[in-house]
Amino acid sequence: MVLSFRAAFARRETACLIRKPMSEYARKRGDRVGPGWRIPVNQGKRAIRYVSFDANQWKTFALGRWRVAIGDPGCFSVFGRNPDRHRLWAEHMTAEYPVEVTARGRTVKEWKSRPNIDNHWFDCDVGCAVAASMEGITLDGIPKPKRVRKRRVKLSELRSR
């Protein structure tokens, strides 16, 4: 299965507040939905499956791992004591900064790019966090969403209706 990632709400200005939150999207039959991401059902001969995710939510989550104390569940750390080994990676991880934006009664952190600094590894880190969530990986202490299983209907029950 091939999926392409598409960051929802990643447009400039307050586009993330103009649209409704992903949790309020109407769920259609066949959609896969998770915390801050969704794979809509696509039909047709040349339909491409893709993942839409709330880039602002996941960027906040990814950089929040750095605020967790080393050794605690959910912490993110790098190896070694030489900071020069990780300088380029650190520049990518700090290439964006959050700005709190309020509109339509809600406040979100919207991420802005610093000029002339690459952020590719930061985007890869965010994409990996989304992919891990899609595979069911969660942090300790964060409750997993409960799946509601529908009762199977037997063919004999349908015939008797």
C-alpha atoms as a PDB file:
ATOM      1  CA  MET A   1       0.000   0.000   0.000  1.00  0.00           C
ATOM      2  CA  VAL A   2       1.423   3.346  -1.017  1.00  0.00           C
ATOM      3  CA  LEU A   3       0.355   6.462   0.849  1.00  0.00           C
ATOM      4  CA  SER A   4       1.247  10.037   0.175  1.00  0.00           C
ATOM      5  CA  PHE A   5       1.303  12.532   3.038  1.00  0.00           C
ATOM      6  CA  ARG A   6      -0.532  15.816   2.717  1.00  0.00           C
ATOM      7  CA  ALA A   7      -0.353  18.281   5.561  1.00  0.00           C
ATOM      8  CA  ALA A   8      -3.738  19.764   6.259  1.00  0.00           C
ATOM      9  CA  PHE A   9      -3.923  23.280   7.677  1.00  0.00           C
ATOM     10  CA  ALA A  10      -0.371  24.095   6.560  1.00  0.00           C
ATOM     11  CA  ARG A  11      -1.354  27.194   4.587  1.00  0.00           C
ATOM     12  CA  ARG A  12      -0.168  30.607   5.664  1.00  0.00           C
ATOM     13  CA  GLU A  13      -2.026  33.221   7.657  1.00  0.00           C
ATOM     14  CA  THR A  14      -4.838  31.806   9.798  1.00  0.00           C
ATOM     15  CA  ALA A  15      -5.944  29.068   7.433  1.00  0.00           C
ATOM     16  CA  CYS A  16      -5.868  26.540  10.258  1.00  0.00           C
ATOM     17  CA  LEU A  17      -8.549  28.501  12.084  1.00  0.00           C
ATOM     18  CA  ILE A  18     -10.736  29.072   9.051  1.00  0.00           C
ATOM     19  CA  ARG A  19     -11.225  25.352   8.618  1.00  0.00           C
ATOM     20  CA  LYS A  20     -12.804  23.253  11.294  1.00  0.00           C
ATOM     21  CA  PRO A  21     -10.626  20.952  13.417  1.00  0.00           C
ATOM     22  CA  MET A  22      -9.996  17.479  12.050  1.00  0.00           C
ATOM     23  CA  SER A  23     -11.928  15.998  14.971  1.00  0.00           C
ATOM     24  CA  GLU A  24     -15.076  17.698  13.643  1.00  0.00           C
ATOM     25  CA  TYR A  25     -14.842  16.326  10.105  1.00  0.00           C
ATOM     26  CA  ALA A  26     -17.708  14.072   9.109  1.00  0.00           C
ATOM     27  CA  ARG A  27     -16.512  10.491   9.063  1.00  0.00           C
ATOM     28  CA  LYS A  28     -17.487   8.575   5.945  1.00  0.00           C
ATOM     29  CA  ARG A  29     -17.754   4.832   5.645  1.00  0.00           C
ATOM     30  CA  GLY A  30     -14.311   3.399   4.980  1.00  0.00           C
ATOM     31  CA  ASP A  31     -12.339   6.350   6.360  1.00  0.00           C
ATOM     32  CA  ARG A  32      -9.482   5.604   8.756  1.00  0.00           C
ATOM     33  CA  VAL A  33      -9.339   8.297  11.396  1.00  0.00           C
ATOM     34  CA  GLY A  34      -6.863   8.856  14.206  1.00  0.00           C
ATOM     35  CA  PRO A  35      -5.764  11.659  16.510  1.00  0.00           C
ATOM     36  CA  GLY A  36      -5.005  14.528  14.144  1.00  0.00           C
ATOM     37  CA  TRP A  37      -4.903  12.418  10.949  1.00  0.00           C
ATOM     38  CA  ARG A  38      -7.255  10.725   8.532  1.00  0.00           C
ATOM     39  CA  ILE A  39      -7.114   8.525   5.448  1.00  0.00           C
ATOM     40  CA  PRO A  40     -10.235   9.278   3.439  1.00  0.00           C
ATOM     41  CA  VAL A  41     -11.784   6.539   1.375  1.00  0.00           C
ATOM     42  CA  ASN A  42     -11.010   6.996  -2.296  1.00  0.00           C
ATOM     43  CA  GLN A  43     -12.890   5.274  -5.047  1.00  0.00           C
ATOM     44  CA  GLY A  44     -12.202   5.051  -8.710  1.00  0.00           C
ATOM     45  CA  LYS A  45      -9.803   3.442 -11.075  1.00  0.00           C
ATOM     46  CA  ARG A  46      -6.881   5.793 -10.452  1.00  0.00           C
ATOM     47  CA  ALA A  47      -7.608   6.874  -6.902  1.00  0.00           C
ATOM     48  CA  ILE A  48      -4.528   7.643  -4.823  1.00  0.00           C
ATOM     49  CA  ARG A  49      -4.641   6.930  -1.111  1.00  0.00           C
ATOM     50  CA  TYR A  50      -3.255   9.740   0.997  1.00  0.00           C
ATOM     51  CA  VAL A  51      -3.044  10.851   4.594  1.00  0.00           C
ATOM     52  CA  SER A  52      -4.246  14.281   5.694  1.00  0.00           C
ATOM     53  CA  PHE A  53      -2.944  15.430   9.040  1.00  0.00           C
ATOM     54  CA  ASP A  54      -3.010  18.538  11.184  1.00  0.00           C
ATOM     55  CA  ALA A  55       0.580  19.713  10.723  1.00  0.00           C
ATOM     56  CA  ASN A  56       0.328  22.270  13.532  1.00  0.00           C
ATOM     57  CA  GLN A  57      -0.864  19.683  16.050  1.00  0.00           C
ATOM     58  CA  TRP A  58       1.814  17.168  15.092  1.00  0.00           C
ATOM     59  CA  LYS A  59       4.639  19.712  15.024  1.00  0.00           C
ATOM     60  CA  THR A  60       3.661  20.790  18.528  1.00  0.00           C
ATOM     61  CA  PHE A  61       3.612  17.124  19.596  1.00  0.00           C
ATOM     62  CA  ALA A  62       6.990  16.339  18.000  1.00  0.00           C
ATOM     63  CA  LEU A  63       8.829  19.243  19.595  1.00  0.00           C
ATOM     64  CA  GLY A  64       7.041  18.587  22.881  1.00  0.00           C
ATOM     65  CA  ARG A  65       9.067  15.363  23.167  1.00  0.00           C
ATOM     66  CA  TRP A  66      12.150  17.543  23.770  1.00  0.00           C
ATOM     67  CA  ARG A  67      10.543  19.069  26.869  1.00  0.00           C
ATOM     68  CA  VAL A  68      10.218  15.674  28.539  1.00  0.00           C
ATOM     69  CA  ALA A  69      13.006  14.850  31.007  1.00  0.00           C
ATOM     70  CA  ILE A  70      15.591  12.346  29.767  1.00  0.00           C
ATOM     71  CA  GLY A  71      14.628   8.871  30.864  1.00  0.00           C
ATOM     72  CA  ASP A  72      10.933   9.636  31.260  1.00  0.00           C
ATOM     73  CA  PRO A  73       8.409   7.976  28.924  1.00  0.00           C
ATOM     74  CA  GLY A  74       7.969   9.980  25.729  1.00  0.00           C
ATOM     75  CA  CYS A  75      11.364  11.703  25.867  1.00  0.00           C
ATOM     76  CA  PHE A  76      13.381  12.290  22.714  1.00  0.00           C
ATOM     77  CA  SER A  77      17.157  12.463  22.954  1.00  0.00           C
ATOM     78  CA  VAL A  78      20.225  12.152  20.734  1.00  0.00           C
ATOM     79  CA  PHE A  79      23.360  10.115  21.300  1.00  0.00           C
ATOM     80  CA  GLY A  80      26.748  11.364  22.427  1.00  0.00           C
ATOM     81  CA  ARG A  81      28.007  14.531  24.089  1.00  0.00           C
ATOM     82  CA  ASN A  82      29.520  16.310  21.076  1.00  0.00           C
ATOM     83  CA  PRO A  83      27.022  18.952  19.894  1.00  0.00           C
ATOM     84  CA  ASP A  84      28.814  19.366  16.542  1.00  0.00           C
ATOM     85  CA  ARG A  85      27.609  15.905  15.499  1.00  0.00           C
ATOM     86  CA  HIS A  86      24.003  17.070  15.661  1.00  0.00           C
ATOM     87  CA  ARG A  87      24.311  20.733  14.635  1.00  0.00           C
ATOM     88  CA  LEU A  88      22.703  20.423  11.170  1.00  0.00           C
ATOM     89  CA  TRP A  89      19.930  18.243  12.551  1.00  0.00           C
ATOM     90  CA  ALA A  90      19.309  20.756  15.354  1.00  0.00           C
ATOM     91  CA  GLU A  91      19.107  23.587  12.821  1.00  0.00           C
ATOM     92  CA  HIS A  92      16.418  21.696  10.915  1.00  0.00           C
ATOM     93  CA  MET A  93      14.493  20.960  14.121  1.00  0.00           C
ATOM     94  CA  THR A  94      14.488  24.655  15.079  1.00  0.00           C
ATOM     95  CA  ALA A  95      13.733  25.999  11.585  1.00  0.00           C
ATOM     96  CA  GLU A  96      10.129  26.750  12.570  1.00  0.00           C
ATOM     97  CA  TYR A  97       8.600  28.481  15.567  1.00  0.00           C
ATOM     98  CA  PRO A  98       5.054  28.451  17.003  1.00  0.00           C
ATOM     99  CA  VAL A  99       2.807  31.505  17.063  1.00  0.00           C
ATOM    100  CA  GLU A 100      -0.457  31.448  18.997  1.00  0.00           C
ATOM    101  CA  VAL A 101      -3.337  32.513  16.771  1.00  0.00           C
ATOM    102  CA  THR A 102      -6.935  33.072  17.915  1.00  0.00           C
ATOM    103  CA  ALA A 103      -9.992  33.184  15.656  1.00  0.00           C
ATOM    104  CA  ARG A 104     -13.556  31.882  15.723  1.00  0.00           C
ATOM    105  CA  GLY A 105     -13.389  31.158  19.423  1.00  0.00           C
ATOM    106  CA  ARG A 106     -10.368  28.858  19.454  1.00  0.00           C
ATOM    107  CA  THR A 107      -6.629  29.270  19.859  1.00  0.00           C
ATOM    108  CA  VAL A 108      -4.013  27.145  18.132  1.00  0.00           C
ATOM    109  CA  LYS A 109      -0.252  27.185  17.720  1.00  0.00           C
ATOM    110  CA  GLU A 110       0.525  27.880  14.088  1.00  0.00           C
ATOM    111  CA  TRP A 111       4.058  27.082  12.942  1.00  0.00           C
ATOM    112  CA  LYS A 112       5.995  29.654  10.918  1.00  0.00           C
ATOM    113  CA  SER A 113       9.218  29.058   8.977  1.00  0.00           C
ATOM    114  CA  ARG A 114      12.378  30.991   9.682  1.00  0.00           C
ATOM    115  CA  PRO A 115      13.723  32.491   6.442  1.00  0.00           C
ATOM    116  CA  ASN A 116      16.544  30.719   4.583  1.00  0.00           C
ATOM    117  CA  ILE A 117      16.702  27.717   6.921  1.00  0.00           C
ATOM    118  CA  ASP A 118      15.850  24.179   5.790  1.00  0.00           C
ATOM    119  CA  ASN A 119      13.373  22.164   7.840  1.00  0.00           C
ATOM    120  CA  HIS A 120      13.356  18.848   5.974  1.00  0.00           C
ATOM    121  CA  TRP A 121      14.401  16.706   8.923  1.00  0.00           C
ATOM    122  CA  PHE A 122      11.806  18.380  11.123  1.00  0.00           C
ATOM    123  CA  ASP A 123       9.130  17.525   8.564  1.00  0.00           C
ATOM    124  CA  CYS A 124      10.444  13.938   8.436  1.00  0.00           C
ATOM    125  CA  ASP A 125      10.259  13.709  12.235  1.00  0.00           C
ATOM    126  CA  VAL A 126       6.652  14.937  12.156  1.00  0.00           C
ATOM    127  CA  GLY A 127       5.778  12.484   9.359  1.00  0.00           C
ATOM    128  CA  CYS A 128       7.286   9.620  11.360  1.00  0.00           C
ATOM    129  CA  ALA A 129       5.191  10.584  14.391  1.00  0.00           C
ATOM    130  CA  VAL A 130       2.042  10.541  12.232  1.00  0.00           C
ATOM    131  CA  ALA A 131       3.018   7.180  10.688  1.00  0.00           C
ATOM    132  CA  ALA A 132       3.651   5.727  14.152  1.00  0.00           C
ATOM    133  CA  SER A 133       0.204   6.892  15.248  1.00  0.00           C
ATOM    134  CA  MET A 134      -1.316   5.296  12.152  1.00  0.00           C
ATOM    135  CA  GLU A 135       0.279   1.990  13.180  1.00  0.00           C
ATOM    136  CA  GLY A 136      -1.285   2.249  16.639  1.00  0.00           C
ATOM    137  CA  ILE A 137       1.820   3.325  18.556  1.00  0.00           C
ATOM    138  CA  THR A 138       0.989   5.643  21.455  1.00  0.00           C
ATOM    139  CA  LEU A 139       2.811   7.140  24.399  1.00  0.00           C
ATOM    140  CA  ASP A 140       2.226   5.770  27.876  1.00  0.00           C
ATOM    141  CA  GLY A 141      -0.424   7.768  29.682  1.00  0.00           C
ATOM    142  CA  ILE A 142      -2.264   8.779  26.518  1.00  0.00           C
ATOM    143  CA  PRO A 143      -5.464   6.764  26.217  1.00  0.00           C
ATOM    144  CA  LYS A 144      -5.972   4.851  23.000  1.00  0.00           C
ATOM    145  CA  PRO A 145      -9.203   5.610  21.173  1.00  0.00           C
ATOM    146  CA  LYS A 146     -11.711   2.814  21.644  1.00  0.00           C
ATOM    147  CA  ARG A 147     -12.896   1.075  18.530  1.00  0.00           C
ATOM    148  CA  VAL A 148     -16.610   0.588  18.263  1.00  0.00           C
ATOM    149  CA  ARG A 149     -17.361  -2.746  16.715  1.00  0.00           C
ATOM    150  CA  LYS A 150     -20.644  -3.110  14.968  1.00  0.00           C
ATOM    151  CA  ARG A 151     -22.542  -6.311  15.465  1.00  0.00           C
ATOM    152  CA  ARG A 152     -22.459  -8.514  12.412  1.00  0.00           C
ATOM    153  CA  VAL A 153     -25.799  -9.106  10.816  1.00  0.00           C
ATOM    154  CA  LYS A 154     -26.479 -12.624   9.606  1.00  0.00           C
ATOM    155  CA  LEU A 155     -28.008 -13.222   6.216  1.00  0.00           C
ATOM    156  CA  SER A 156     -30.907 -15.057   7.877  1.00  0.00           C
ATOM    157  CA  GLU A 157     -31.682 -11.929   9.932  1.00  0.00           C
ATOM    158  CA  LEU A 158     -31.776  -9.826   6.787  1.00  0.00           C
ATOM    159  CA  ARG A 159     -34.143 -12.274   5.090  1.00  0.00           C
ATOM    160  CA  SER A 160     -36.545 -12.247   8.025  1.00  0.00           C
ATOM    161  CA  ARG A 161     -36.921  -8.465   7.936  1.00  0.00           C
END
